[in-house]
Amino acid sequence: MDCLRLVLVAVTLTACVGDSSVPIDAGGDATEDASPDATGQDATAETGADASPTVSPLSFGAGHLQLWLTADQGVTCDTSLTPNRVTRWADRSPHGTSHDATPQHGQLPPECHVASHAAAGVDLPYFSSPAATNTPDETLDLDLSYLSKTSYTVLVVERRWADRSGAGSPAEYVLGTTINDNANCLGQYNNAAFGFGYNYFADKPAIELSLEQYCQKTPTATVAAVPNPAPAALSYEIALLDTTVGHTFRLNGAVSGTDANKTALQTLTANTGTLGRAYKSVSVIDSRFIGDIAEVVVYDAALSQTELLGLEAYAKAHWQL
């Protein structure tokens, strides 16, 4: 006689919250773990997107991964504030806490645990930039100096909740570095800063998603306005510079443009990068992003075509796109 043995295992999970500033898990609940992982980051429960996939950004770039921020791990949310605010977004690259994204002292950080701002079961940090002024509120500071004088690859997974309008050419940057106030484009500041985001033009209807090396625009992708009701669809984008070939820009798995500009960025000052804005020292421009950021991955090298396709496949699967 064939026998079938069934083994039932009961598991009890206990969550204890010791204070008001705790990591958020993939489902958005507050959790606390007293045992950090090997990089010193908080270990958090993962029940939404596949936060521990077989393939990850660590699978590519052979030692060139400089930054990996993913919303399903490492986001610390202060639940004592209303609305709740992000107080740290831990880097998951081998660099650990030195590349974490944190609020500038005294600034109002991005929001977390916001209703309707989730994807694949994961609460996404919401960069709302409510005031139409160029302040550091609703942004996070981080180091991007490793992009200086080198090839690079940048992956961003994000979605907009509003389009900017107004005089001139407003912009929303997901990621960028600073530049001297009122820096001109006469040559001295060319390639002196990095910007990755959306440009809105007063003289034409197109909205361009672009990578910029200050005053040097690389290939762009024309995108639609945020629908009503918002938001726009979650999308994934890759901007790449190969200093032997030029730039490549990819939107949702397809090449949207290339150029032969091989010039690398000038020397970038350490810790002048910003998540949710670019060119933050230019006082006349409010270039803050209005939307959710799910993931940011940065390499200080140009990934191969095979690696690019693998990274895109990872992002698509991870965020169920």
C-alpha atoms as a PDB file:
ATOM      1  CA  MET A   1       0.000   0.000   0.000  1.00  0.00           C
ATOM      2  CA  ASP A   2       1.328   3.406  -0.930  1.00  0.00           C
ATOM      3  CA  CYS A   3       1.232   5.903   1.894  1.00  0.00           C
ATOM      4  CA  LEU A   4       1.269   9.671   1.734  1.00  0.00           C
ATOM      5  CA  ARG A   5       2.678  11.423   4.752  1.00  0.00           C
ATOM      6  CA  LEU A   6       1.614  15.011   5.367  1.00  0.00           C
ATOM      7  CA  VAL A   7       3.731  17.121   7.661  1.00  0.00           C
ATOM      8  CA  LEU A   8       2.129  20.274   9.001  1.00  0.00           C
ATOM      9  CA  VAL A   9       4.420  22.952  10.306  1.00  0.00           C
ATOM     10  CA  ALA A  10       3.101  25.812  12.359  1.00  0.00           C
ATOM     11  CA  VAL A  11       5.070  29.023  12.321  1.00  0.00           C
ATOM     12  CA  THR A  12       4.459  31.872  14.708  1.00  0.00           C
ATOM     13  CA  LEU A  13       5.651  35.306  13.684  1.00  0.00           C
ATOM     14  CA  THR A  14       6.002  38.018  16.285  1.00  0.00           C
ATOM     15  CA  ALA A  15       6.633  41.651  15.383  1.00  0.00           C
ATOM     16  CA  CYS A  16       7.751  44.098  18.021  1.00  0.00           C
ATOM     17  CA  VAL A  17       8.025  47.801  17.366  1.00  0.00           C
ATOM     18  CA  GLY A  18      10.321  49.535  19.815  1.00  0.00           C
ATOM     19  CA  ASP A  19      10.149  53.119  18.546  1.00  0.00           C
ATOM     20  CA  SER A  20       8.516  55.334  15.939  1.00  0.00           C
ATOM     21  CA  SER A  21      11.330  55.218  13.382  1.00  0.00           C
ATOM     22  CA  VAL A  22      11.539  51.705  11.976  1.00  0.00           C
ATOM     23  CA  PRO A  23      12.196  49.942   8.677  1.00  0.00           C
ATOM     24  CA  ILE A  24       9.159  49.254   6.531  1.00  0.00           C
ATOM     25  CA  ASP A  25       8.622  45.846   5.023  1.00  0.00           C
ATOM     26  CA  ALA A  26       7.448  45.011   1.544  1.00  0.00           C
ATOM     27  CA  GLY A  27       3.818  45.146   2.600  1.00  0.00           C
ATOM     28  CA  GLY A  28       4.208  48.519   4.267  1.00  0.00           C
ATOM     29  CA  ASP A  29       4.022  47.407   7.895  1.00  0.00           C
ATOM     30  CA  ALA A  30       6.426  48.725  10.486  1.00  0.00           C
ATOM     31  CA  THR A  31       8.918  46.129  11.666  1.00  0.00           C
ATOM     32  CA  GLU A  32      12.073  46.088  13.726  1.00  0.00           C
ATOM     33  CA  ASP A  33      14.949  43.626  13.546  1.00  0.00           C
ATOM     34  CA  ALA A  34      17.781  43.727  16.036  1.00  0.00           C
ATOM     35  CA  SER A  35      20.058  41.687  13.789  1.00  0.00           C
ATOM     36  CA  PRO A  36      21.501  43.727  10.918  1.00  0.00           C
ATOM     37  CA  ASP A  37      22.818  41.953   7.893  1.00  0.00           C
ATOM     38  CA  ALA A  38      26.455  41.715   6.857  1.00  0.00           C
ATOM     39  CA  THR A  39      26.478  45.254   5.466  1.00  0.00           C
ATOM     40  CA  GLY A  40      25.099  46.773   8.660  1.00  0.00           C
ATOM     41  CA  GLN A  41      21.653  47.334   7.160  1.00  0.00           C
ATOM     42  CA  ASP A  42      18.442  46.361   8.901  1.00  0.00           C
ATOM     43  CA  ALA A  43      17.016  43.006   7.906  1.00  0.00           C
ATOM     44  CA  THR A  44      13.311  43.435   7.076  1.00  0.00           C
ATOM     45  CA  ALA A  45      10.487  41.054   6.217  1.00  0.00           C
ATOM     46  CA  GLU A  46       9.744  40.715   2.507  1.00  0.00           C
ATOM     47  CA  THR A  47       6.279  39.747   1.324  1.00  0.00           C
ATOM     48  CA  GLY A  48       5.700  41.866  -1.784  1.00  0.00           C
ATOM     49  CA  ALA A  49       8.096  42.100  -4.721  1.00  0.00           C
ATOM     50  CA  ASP A  50      10.745  39.424  -4.983  1.00  0.00           C
ATOM     51  CA  ALA A  51      13.315  41.209  -2.795  1.00  0.00           C
ATOM     52  CA  SER A  52      15.773  38.300  -2.779  1.00  0.00           C
ATOM     53  CA  PRO A  53      15.793  37.141  -6.401  1.00  0.00           C
ATOM     54  CA  THR A  54      18.299  34.698  -7.836  1.00  0.00           C
ATOM     55  CA  VAL A  55      19.314  37.463 -10.249  1.00  0.00           C
ATOM     56  CA  SER A  56      19.817  40.966  -8.849  1.00  0.00           C
ATOM     57  CA  PRO A  57      21.909  44.074  -9.618  1.00  0.00           C
ATOM     58  CA  LEU A  58      24.756  42.269  -7.853  1.00  0.00           C
ATOM     59  CA  SER A  59      24.726  39.789 -10.744  1.00  0.00           C
ATOM     60  CA  PHE A  60      26.034  42.380 -13.201  1.00  0.00           C
ATOM     61  CA  GLY A  61      28.943  44.755 -13.558  1.00  0.00           C
ATOM     62  CA  ALA A  62      31.616  42.599 -11.868  1.00  0.00           C
ATOM     63  CA  GLY A  63      32.602  44.845  -8.989  1.00  0.00           C
ATOM     64  CA  HIS A  64      31.278  48.102 -10.477  1.00  0.00           C
ATOM     65  CA  LEU A  65      27.969  48.309  -8.576  1.00  0.00           C
ATOM     66  CA  GLN A  66      28.086  51.600  -6.639  1.00  0.00           C
ATOM     67  CA  LEU A  67      24.475  52.135  -5.575  1.00  0.00           C
ATOM     68  CA  TRP A  68      21.426  49.917  -5.167  1.00  0.00           C
ATOM     69  CA  LEU A  69      18.338  51.412  -3.578  1.00  0.00           C
ATOM     70  CA  THR A  70      15.215  49.248  -3.670  1.00  0.00           C
ATOM     71  CA  ALA A  71      11.969  50.167  -1.936  1.00  0.00           C
ATOM     72  CA  ASP A  72      11.317  46.663  -0.617  1.00  0.00           C
ATOM     73  CA  GLN A  73      14.427  46.715   1.577  1.00  0.00           C
ATOM     74  CA  GLY A  74      16.256  49.313   3.595  1.00  0.00           C
ATOM     75  CA  VAL A  75      13.676  52.121   3.743  1.00  0.00           C
ATOM     76  CA  THR A  76      13.351  53.507   7.275  1.00  0.00           C
ATOM     77  CA  CYS A  77      10.052  55.314   7.862  1.00  0.00           C
ATOM     78  CA  ASP A  78       9.389  57.666  10.794  1.00  0.00           C
ATOM     79  CA  THR A  79       5.816  56.878  11.805  1.00  0.00           C
ATOM     80  CA  SER A  80       5.753  59.606  14.470  1.00  0.00           C
ATOM     81  CA  LEU A  81       5.420  62.218  11.714  1.00  0.00           C
ATOM     82  CA  THR A  82       2.239  63.034   9.802  1.00  0.00           C
ATOM     83  CA  PRO A  83       2.521  62.130   7.033  1.00  0.00           C
ATOM     84  CA  ASN A  84       5.136  59.450   7.738  1.00  0.00           C
ATOM     85  CA  ARG A  85       8.594  60.383   6.423  1.00  0.00           C
ATOM     86  CA  VAL A  86      11.636  58.502   5.059  1.00  0.00           C
ATOM     87  CA  THR A  87      14.629  59.031   7.354  1.00  0.00           C
ATOM     88  CA  ARG A  88      17.063  56.691   5.566  1.00  0.00           C
ATOM     89  CA  TRP A  89      17.193  54.599   2.417  1.00  0.00           C
ATOM     90  CA  ALA A  90      19.962  52.030   2.877  1.00  0.00           C
ATOM     91  CA  ASP A  91      22.236  51.168  -0.027  1.00  0.00           C
ATOM     92  CA  ARG A  92      22.425  47.436  -0.774  1.00  0.00           C
ATOM     93  CA  SER A  93      25.596  47.582  -2.852  1.00  0.00           C
ATOM     94  CA  PRO A  94      28.862  46.345  -1.296  1.00  0.00           C
ATOM     95  CA  HIS A  95      29.574  49.923  -0.143  1.00  0.00           C
ATOM     96  CA  GLY A  96      27.051  49.742   2.684  1.00  0.00           C
ATOM     97  CA  THR A  97      26.184  52.827   4.708  1.00  0.00           C
ATOM     98  CA  SER A  98      28.633  55.171   2.938  1.00  0.00           C
ATOM     99  CA  HIS A  99      26.268  55.319  -0.046  1.00  0.00           C
ATOM    100  CA  ASP A 100      22.971  55.485   1.890  1.00  0.00           C
ATOM    101  CA  ALA A 101      20.438  58.170   0.948  1.00  0.00           C
ATOM    102  CA  THR A 102      19.500  60.442   3.876  1.00  0.00           C
ATOM    103  CA  PRO A 103      17.686  63.769   4.385  1.00  0.00           C
ATOM    104  CA  GLN A 104      19.666  66.980   4.502  1.00  0.00           C
ATOM    105  CA  HIS A 105      19.736  68.350   8.053  1.00  0.00           C
ATOM    106  CA  GLY A 106      16.578  70.323   8.709  1.00  0.00           C
ATOM    107  CA  GLN A 107      14.806  69.364   5.519  1.00  0.00           C
ATOM    108  CA  LEU A 108      11.444  67.639   5.191  1.00  0.00           C
ATOM    109  CA  PRO A 109      12.057  64.112   3.810  1.00  0.00           C
ATOM    110  CA  PRO A 110       9.926  62.252   1.231  1.00  0.00           C
ATOM    111  CA  GLU A 111       6.779  60.511   2.420  1.00  0.00           C
ATOM    112  CA  CYS A 112       6.211  56.822   3.141  1.00  0.00           C
ATOM    113  CA  HIS A 113       3.186  54.604   3.954  1.00  0.00           C
ATOM    114  CA  VAL A 114       1.086  56.747   1.592  1.00  0.00           C
ATOM    115  CA  ALA A 115      -2.172  55.225   0.389  1.00  0.00           C
ATOM    116  CA  SER A 116      -2.161  54.304  -3.320  1.00  0.00           C
ATOM    117  CA  HIS A 117       1.636  54.718  -3.567  1.00  0.00           C
ATOM    118  CA  ALA A 118       2.552  51.037  -3.802  1.00  0.00           C
ATOM    119  CA  ALA A 119       3.702  48.648  -6.506  1.00  0.00           C
ATOM    120  CA  ALA A 120       4.012  44.857  -6.447  1.00  0.00           C
ATOM    121  CA  GLY A 121       2.829  44.930  -2.828  1.00  0.00           C
ATOM    122  CA  VAL A 122       5.593  47.355  -1.784  1.00  0.00           C
ATOM    123  CA  ASP A 123       5.148  50.844  -0.330  1.00  0.00           C
ATOM    124  CA  LEU A 124       7.145  53.277  -2.480  1.00  0.00           C
ATOM    125  CA  PRO A 125       8.790  56.455  -1.182  1.00  0.00           C
ATOM    126  CA  TYR A 126       6.703  59.376  -2.454  1.00  0.00           C
ATOM    127  CA  PHE A 127       8.496  62.571  -3.461  1.00  0.00           C
ATOM    128  CA  SER A 128       5.615  65.075  -3.393  1.00  0.00           C
ATOM    129  CA  SER A 129       7.504  68.446  -3.553  1.00  0.00           C
ATOM    130  CA  PRO A 130       4.334  70.319  -2.558  1.00  0.00           C
ATOM    131  CA  ALA A 131       5.734  73.875  -2.594  1.00  0.00           C
ATOM    132  CA  ALA A 132       6.671  75.494  -5.911  1.00  0.00           C
ATOM    133  CA  THR A 133      10.057  76.649  -4.650  1.00  0.00           C
ATOM    134  CA  ASN A 134      13.601  75.342  -4.948  1.00  0.00           C
ATOM    135  CA  THR A 135      14.039  73.890  -1.464  1.00  0.00           C
ATOM    136  CA  PRO A 136      15.673  70.639  -0.363  1.00  0.00           C
ATOM    137  CA  ASP A 137      12.342  69.381   1.033  1.00  0.00           C
ATOM    138  CA  GLU A 138      11.098  66.053  -0.324  1.00  0.00           C
ATOM    139  CA  THR A 139      14.575  64.958  -1.455  1.00  0.00           C
ATOM    140  CA  LEU A 140      17.365  62.736  -0.109  1.00  0.00           C
ATOM    141  CA  ASP A 141      21.117  63.392  -0.280  1.00  0.00           C
ATOM    142  CA  LEU A 142      23.618  60.786  -1.420  1.00  0.00           C
ATOM    143  CA  ASP A 143      27.082  60.403  -2.933  1.00  0.00           C
ATOM    144  CA  LEU A 144      27.402  60.256  -6.736  1.00  0.00           C
ATOM    145  CA  SER A 145      31.022  61.407  -7.009  1.00  0.00           C
ATOM    146  CA  TYR A 146      32.047  57.987  -8.369  1.00  0.00           C
ATOM    147  CA  LEU A 147      30.434  58.981 -11.707  1.00  0.00           C
ATOM    148  CA  SER A 148      33.343  61.365 -12.371  1.00  0.00           C
ATOM    149  CA  LYS A 149      35.557  60.723 -15.398  1.00  0.00           C
ATOM    150  CA  THR A 150      34.222  57.243 -16.119  1.00  0.00           C
ATOM    151  CA  SER A 151      31.668  55.264 -18.071  1.00  0.00           C
ATOM    152  CA  TYR A 152      28.456  54.577 -16.162  1.00  0.00           C
ATOM    153  CA  THR A 153      25.103  52.796 -16.220  1.00  0.00           C
ATOM    154  CA  VAL A 154      22.031  54.096 -14.356  1.00  0.00           C
ATOM    155  CA  LEU A 155      18.760  52.175 -13.915  1.00  0.00           C
ATOM    156  CA  VAL A 156      15.708  53.941 -12.492  1.00  0.00           C
ATOM    157  CA  VAL A 157      12.247  52.499 -11.780  1.00  0.00           C
ATOM    158  CA  GLU A 158       9.741  55.309 -11.134  1.00  0.00           C
ATOM    159  CA  ARG A 159       6.360  56.840 -11.914  1.00  0.00           C
ATOM    160  CA  ARG A 160       5.188  60.447 -12.032  1.00  0.00           C
ATOM    161  CA  TRP A 161       2.146  61.760 -10.195  1.00  0.00           C
ATOM    162  CA  ALA A 162       2.115  65.258 -11.699  1.00  0.00           C
ATOM    163  CA  ASP A 163       3.682  67.299 -14.485  1.00  0.00           C
ATOM    164  CA  ARG A 164       5.353  70.608 -13.793  1.00  0.00           C
ATOM    165  CA  SER A 165       4.167  73.771 -15.529  1.00  0.00           C
ATOM    166  CA  GLY A 166       4.987  77.449 -15.425  1.00  0.00           C
ATOM    167  CA  ALA A 167       7.301  79.955 -17.007  1.00  0.00           C
ATOM    168  CA  GLY A 168      10.439  78.856 -18.799  1.00  0.00           C
ATOM    169  CA  SER A 169      11.213  75.165 -19.103  1.00  0.00           C
ATOM    170  CA  PRO A 170      10.302  73.374 -15.851  1.00  0.00           C
ATOM    171  CA  ALA A 171      11.869  70.026 -15.059  1.00  0.00           C
ATOM    172  CA  GLU A 172      11.546  67.043 -12.716  1.00  0.00           C
ATOM    173  CA  TYR A 173      14.732  65.116 -12.003  1.00  0.00           C
ATOM    174  CA  VAL A 174      14.718  61.692 -10.394  1.00  0.00           C
ATOM    175  CA  LEU A 175      18.451  61.819  -9.694  1.00  0.00           C
ATOM    176  CA  GLY A 176      21.249  64.336 -10.086  1.00  0.00           C
ATOM    177  CA  THR A 177      24.146  66.368  -8.721  1.00  0.00           C
ATOM    178  CA  THR A 178      24.597  70.023  -7.898  1.00  0.00           C
ATOM    179  CA  ILE A 179      26.054  72.887  -9.937  1.00  0.00           C
ATOM    180  CA  ASN A 180      27.183  76.422  -9.052  1.00  0.00           C
ATOM    181  CA  ASP A 181      24.311  78.883  -8.768  1.00  0.00           C
ATOM    182  CA  ASN A 182      23.532  80.575 -12.111  1.00  0.00           C
ATOM    183  CA  ALA A 183      26.155  78.454 -13.894  1.00  0.00           C
ATOM    184  CA  ASN A 184      26.067  79.204 -17.599  1.00  0.00           C
ATOM    185  CA  CYS A 185      26.482  76.979 -20.638  1.00  0.00           C
ATOM    186  CA  LEU A 186      29.416  78.807 -22.199  1.00  0.00           C
ATOM    187  CA  GLY A 187      31.804  75.950 -21.686  1.00  0.00           C
ATOM    188  CA  GLN A 188      33.134  76.175 -18.134  1.00  0.00           C
ATOM    189  CA  TYR A 189      30.323  74.116 -16.661  1.00  0.00           C
ATOM    190  CA  ASN A 190      29.721  71.728 -19.536  1.00  0.00           C
ATOM    191  CA  ASN A 191      29.628  68.155 -18.170  1.00  0.00           C
ATOM    192  CA  ALA A 192      30.022  69.518 -14.627  1.00  0.00           C
ATOM    193  CA  ALA A 193      26.799  67.995 -13.266  1.00  0.00           C
ATOM    194  CA  PHE A 194      24.525  65.009 -13.818  1.00  0.00           C
ATOM    195  CA  GLY A 195      20.750  65.009 -14.236  1.00  0.00           C
ATOM    196  CA  PHE A 196      18.291  62.216 -15.022  1.00  0.00           C
ATOM    197  CA  GLY A 197      14.623  63.135 -15.384  1.00  0.00           C
ATOM    198  CA  TYR A 198      11.880  64.984 -17.248  1.00  0.00           C
ATOM    199  CA  ASN A 199      11.934  68.306 -19.108  1.00  0.00           C
ATOM    200  CA  TYR A 200       8.825  70.342 -19.938  1.00  0.00           C
ATOM    201  CA  PHE A 201       9.106  72.914 -22.707  1.00  0.00           C
ATOM    202  CA  ALA A 202       7.127  76.139 -22.932  1.00  0.00           C
ATOM    203  CA  ASP A 203       7.513  76.319 -26.719  1.00  0.00           C
ATOM    204  CA  LYS A 204       6.505  72.755 -27.636  1.00  0.00           C
ATOM    205  CA  PRO A 205       4.157  70.080 -26.309  1.00  0.00           C
ATOM    206  CA  ALA A 206       6.738  67.305 -25.973  1.00  0.00           C
ATOM    207  CA  ILE A 207       7.806  66.013 -22.567  1.00  0.00           C
ATOM    208  CA  GLU A 208      11.314  64.596 -22.700  1.00  0.00           C
ATOM    209  CA  LEU A 209      12.804  62.024 -20.377  1.00  0.00           C
ATOM    210  CA  SER A 210      16.539  62.558 -20.639  1.00  0.00           C
ATOM    211  CA  LEU A 211      20.009  62.080 -19.254  1.00  0.00           C
ATOM    212  CA  GLU A 212      21.996  65.306 -19.029  1.00  0.00           C
ATOM    213  CA  GLN A 213      25.610  66.176 -18.408  1.00  0.00           C
ATOM    214  CA  TYR A 214      24.940  69.837 -17.632  1.00  0.00           C
ATOM    215  CA  CYS A 215      24.312  71.751 -20.882  1.00  0.00           C
ATOM    216  CA  GLN A 216      25.072  68.576 -22.831  1.00  0.00           C
ATOM    217  CA  LYS A 217      21.815  66.731 -23.493  1.00  0.00           C
ATOM    218  CA  THR A 218      22.133  63.121 -24.529  1.00  0.00           C
ATOM    219  CA  PRO A 219      19.442  61.149 -26.433  1.00  0.00           C
ATOM    220  CA  THR A 220      15.992  61.551 -24.968  1.00  0.00           C
ATOM    221  CA  ALA A 221      12.664  59.742 -25.040  1.00  0.00           C
ATOM    222  CA  THR A 222       9.404  61.592 -25.682  1.00  0.00           C
ATOM    223  CA  VAL A 223       6.764  60.561 -23.147  1.00  0.00           C
ATOM    224  CA  ALA A 224       3.073  61.256 -22.565  1.00  0.00           C
ATOM    225  CA  ALA A 225       1.711  63.595 -19.923  1.00  0.00           C
ATOM    226  CA  VAL A 226       0.549  62.178 -16.592  1.00  0.00           C
ATOM    227  CA  PRO A 227      -3.011  60.904 -17.151  1.00  0.00           C
ATOM    228  CA  ASN A 228      -6.089  62.065 -15.283  1.00  0.00           C
ATOM    229  CA  PRO A 229      -6.504  60.420 -12.874  1.00  0.00           C
ATOM    230  CA  ALA A 230      -2.850  60.053 -11.956  1.00  0.00           C
ATOM    231  CA  PRO A 231      -0.373  58.401 -11.815  1.00  0.00           C
ATOM    232  CA  ALA A 232       1.589  57.560 -14.935  1.00  0.00           C
ATOM    233  CA  ALA A 233       2.528  53.922 -15.319  1.00  0.00           C
ATOM    234  CA  LEU A 234       5.541  52.595 -13.440  1.00  0.00           C
ATOM    235  CA  SER A 235       8.423  52.489 -15.915  1.00  0.00           C
ATOM    236  CA  TYR A 236      12.051  51.441 -16.003  1.00  0.00           C
ATOM    237  CA  GLU A 237      14.790  53.400 -17.749  1.00  0.00           C
ATOM    238  CA  ILE A 238      18.496  52.930 -18.355  1.00  0.00           C
ATOM    239  CA  ALA A 239      20.948  55.712 -19.197  1.00  0.00           C
ATOM    240  CA  LEU A 240      24.443  54.585 -20.189  1.00  0.00           C
ATOM    241  CA  LEU A 241      27.693  56.305 -21.100  1.00  0.00           C
ATOM    242  CA  ASP A 242      30.453  54.280 -22.715  1.00  0.00           C
ATOM    243  CA  THR A 243      33.445  56.617 -23.049  1.00  0.00           C
ATOM    244  CA  THR A 244      34.642  54.615 -26.072  1.00  0.00           C
ATOM    245  CA  VAL A 245      31.297  54.762 -27.931  1.00  0.00           C
ATOM    246  CA  GLY A 246      28.873  57.359 -26.557  1.00  0.00           C
ATOM    247  CA  HIS A 247      25.468  57.393 -24.820  1.00  0.00           C
ATOM    248  CA  THR A 248      22.582  54.951 -24.996  1.00  0.00           C
ATOM    249  CA  PHE A 249      19.124  55.629 -23.574  1.00  0.00           C
ATOM    250  CA  ARG A 250      16.626  52.812 -23.028  1.00  0.00           C
ATOM    251  CA  LEU A 251      12.965  53.104 -21.993  1.00  0.00           C
ATOM    252  CA  ASN A 252      10.994  50.032 -20.875  1.00  0.00           C
ATOM    253  CA  GLY A 253      13.335  47.616 -22.611  1.00  0.00           C
ATOM    254  CA  ALA A 254      13.738  49.429 -25.936  1.00  0.00           C
ATOM    255  CA  VAL A 255      16.472  51.758 -27.201  1.00  0.00           C
ATOM    256  CA  SER A 256      15.045  55.279 -27.524  1.00  0.00           C
ATOM    257  CA  GLY A 257      18.223  56.953 -28.723  1.00  0.00           C
ATOM    258  CA  THR A 258      22.010  56.961 -28.975  1.00  0.00           C
ATOM    259  CA  ASP A 259      24.751  59.506 -29.632  1.00  0.00           C
ATOM    260  CA  ALA A 260      28.499  59.556 -30.199  1.00  0.00           C
ATOM    261  CA  ASN A 261      29.328  61.993 -27.376  1.00  0.00           C
ATOM    262  CA  LYS A 262      32.041  60.175 -25.404  1.00  0.00           C
ATOM    263  CA  THR A 263      32.791  62.946 -22.912  1.00  0.00           C
ATOM    264  CA  ALA A 264      32.713  61.875 -19.259  1.00  0.00           C
ATOM    265  CA  LEU A 265      31.519  63.992 -16.368  1.00  0.00           C
ATOM    266  CA  GLN A 266      33.971  66.399 -14.765  1.00  0.00           C
ATOM    267  CA  THR A 267      35.084  65.804 -11.188  1.00  0.00           C
ATOM    268  CA  LEU A 268      32.007  65.690  -8.946  1.00  0.00           C
ATOM    269  CA  THR A 269      32.282  66.746  -5.311  1.00  0.00           C
ATOM    270  CA  ALA A 270      31.546  63.943  -2.842  1.00  0.00           C
ATOM    271  CA  ASN A 271      28.104  63.861  -1.219  1.00  0.00           C
ATOM    272  CA  THR A 272      26.534  66.423  -3.575  1.00  0.00           C
ATOM    273  CA  GLY A 273      24.137  63.978  -5.220  1.00  0.00           C
ATOM    274  CA  THR A 274      20.389  64.166  -4.692  1.00  0.00           C
ATOM    275  CA  LEU A 275      17.557  61.677  -5.057  1.00  0.00           C
ATOM    276  CA  GLY A 276      14.470  63.535  -6.249  1.00  0.00           C
ATOM    277  CA  ARG A 277      16.252  66.557  -7.776  1.00  0.00           C
ATOM    278  CA  ALA A 278      19.209  67.783  -9.849  1.00  0.00           C
ATOM    279  CA  TYR A 279      21.126  71.071  -9.985  1.00  0.00           C
ATOM    280  CA  LYS A 280      19.971  71.882  -6.457  1.00  0.00           C
ATOM    281  CA  SER A 281      22.132  74.993  -6.081  1.00  0.00           C
ATOM    282  CA  VAL A 282      20.521  76.790  -9.031  1.00  0.00           C
ATOM    283  CA  SER A 283      18.160  79.004  -7.068  1.00  0.00           C
ATOM    284  CA  VAL A 284      15.847  79.920  -9.949  1.00  0.00           C
ATOM    285  CA  ILE A 285      14.945  76.340 -10.849  1.00  0.00           C
ATOM    286  CA  ASP A 286      12.662  73.990  -8.916  1.00  0.00           C
ATOM    287  CA  SER A 287      13.668  70.697 -10.495  1.00  0.00           C
ATOM    288  CA  ARG A 288      12.266  68.321  -7.882  1.00  0.00           C
ATOM    289  CA  PHE A 289      10.571  65.085  -8.879  1.00  0.00           C
ATOM    290  CA  ILE A 290       6.846  64.584  -8.188  1.00  0.00           C
ATOM    291  CA  GLY A 291       6.251  60.873  -7.944  1.00  0.00           C
ATOM    292  CA  ASP A 292       7.272  57.477  -6.586  1.00  0.00           C
ATOM    293  CA  ILE A 293      10.748  55.974  -6.822  1.00  0.00           C
ATOM    294  CA  ALA A 294      10.879  52.184  -6.595  1.00  0.00           C
ATOM    295  CA  GLU A 295      14.522  51.440  -7.395  1.00  0.00           C
ATOM    296  CA  VAL A 296      17.788  53.119  -8.391  1.00  0.00           C
ATOM    297  CA  VAL A 297      20.878  51.165  -9.511  1.00  0.00           C
ATOM    298  CA  VAL A 298      24.176  52.810 -10.511  1.00  0.00           C
ATOM    299  CA  TYR A 299      27.395  51.262 -11.899  1.00  0.00           C
ATOM    300  CA  ASP A 300      30.646  53.111 -12.579  1.00  0.00           C
ATOM    301  CA  ALA A 301      31.020  51.180 -15.848  1.00  0.00           C
ATOM    302  CA  ALA A 302      29.127  50.614 -19.077  1.00  0.00           C
ATOM    303  CA  LEU A 303      27.313  47.287 -18.872  1.00  0.00           C
ATOM    304  CA  SER A 304      27.492  44.979 -21.869  1.00  0.00           C
ATOM    305  CA  GLN A 305      24.432  44.385 -24.033  1.00  0.00           C
ATOM    306  CA  THR A 306      23.879  41.019 -22.374  1.00  0.00           C
ATOM    307  CA  GLU A 307      24.104  42.594 -18.919  1.00  0.00           C
ATOM    308  CA  LEU A 308      21.722  45.402 -19.893  1.00  0.00           C
ATOM    309  CA  LEU A 309      19.107  42.903 -21.014  1.00  0.00           C
ATOM    310  CA  GLY A 310      19.609  40.900 -17.816  1.00  0.00           C
ATOM    311  CA  LEU A 311      19.241  44.009 -15.641  1.00  0.00           C
ATOM    312  CA  GLU A 312      16.065  45.014 -17.454  1.00  0.00           C
ATOM    313  CA  ALA A 313      14.636  41.502 -17.097  1.00  0.00           C
ATOM    314  CA  TYR A 314      15.374  41.687 -13.367  1.00  0.00           C
ATOM    315  CA  ALA A 315      13.621  45.071 -13.001  1.00  0.00           C
ATOM    316  CA  LYS A 316      10.603  43.938 -15.005  1.00  0.00           C
ATOM    317  CA  ALA A 317      10.189  40.766 -12.941  1.00  0.00           C
ATOM    318  CA  HIS A 318      10.971  42.427  -9.611  1.00  0.00           C
ATOM    319  CA  TRP A 319       8.267  45.091 -10.046  1.00  0.00           C
ATOM    320  CA  GLN A 320       5.831  42.850 -11.964  1.00  0.00           C
ATOM    321  CA  LEU A 321       5.842  45.125 -15.013  1.00  0.00           C
END
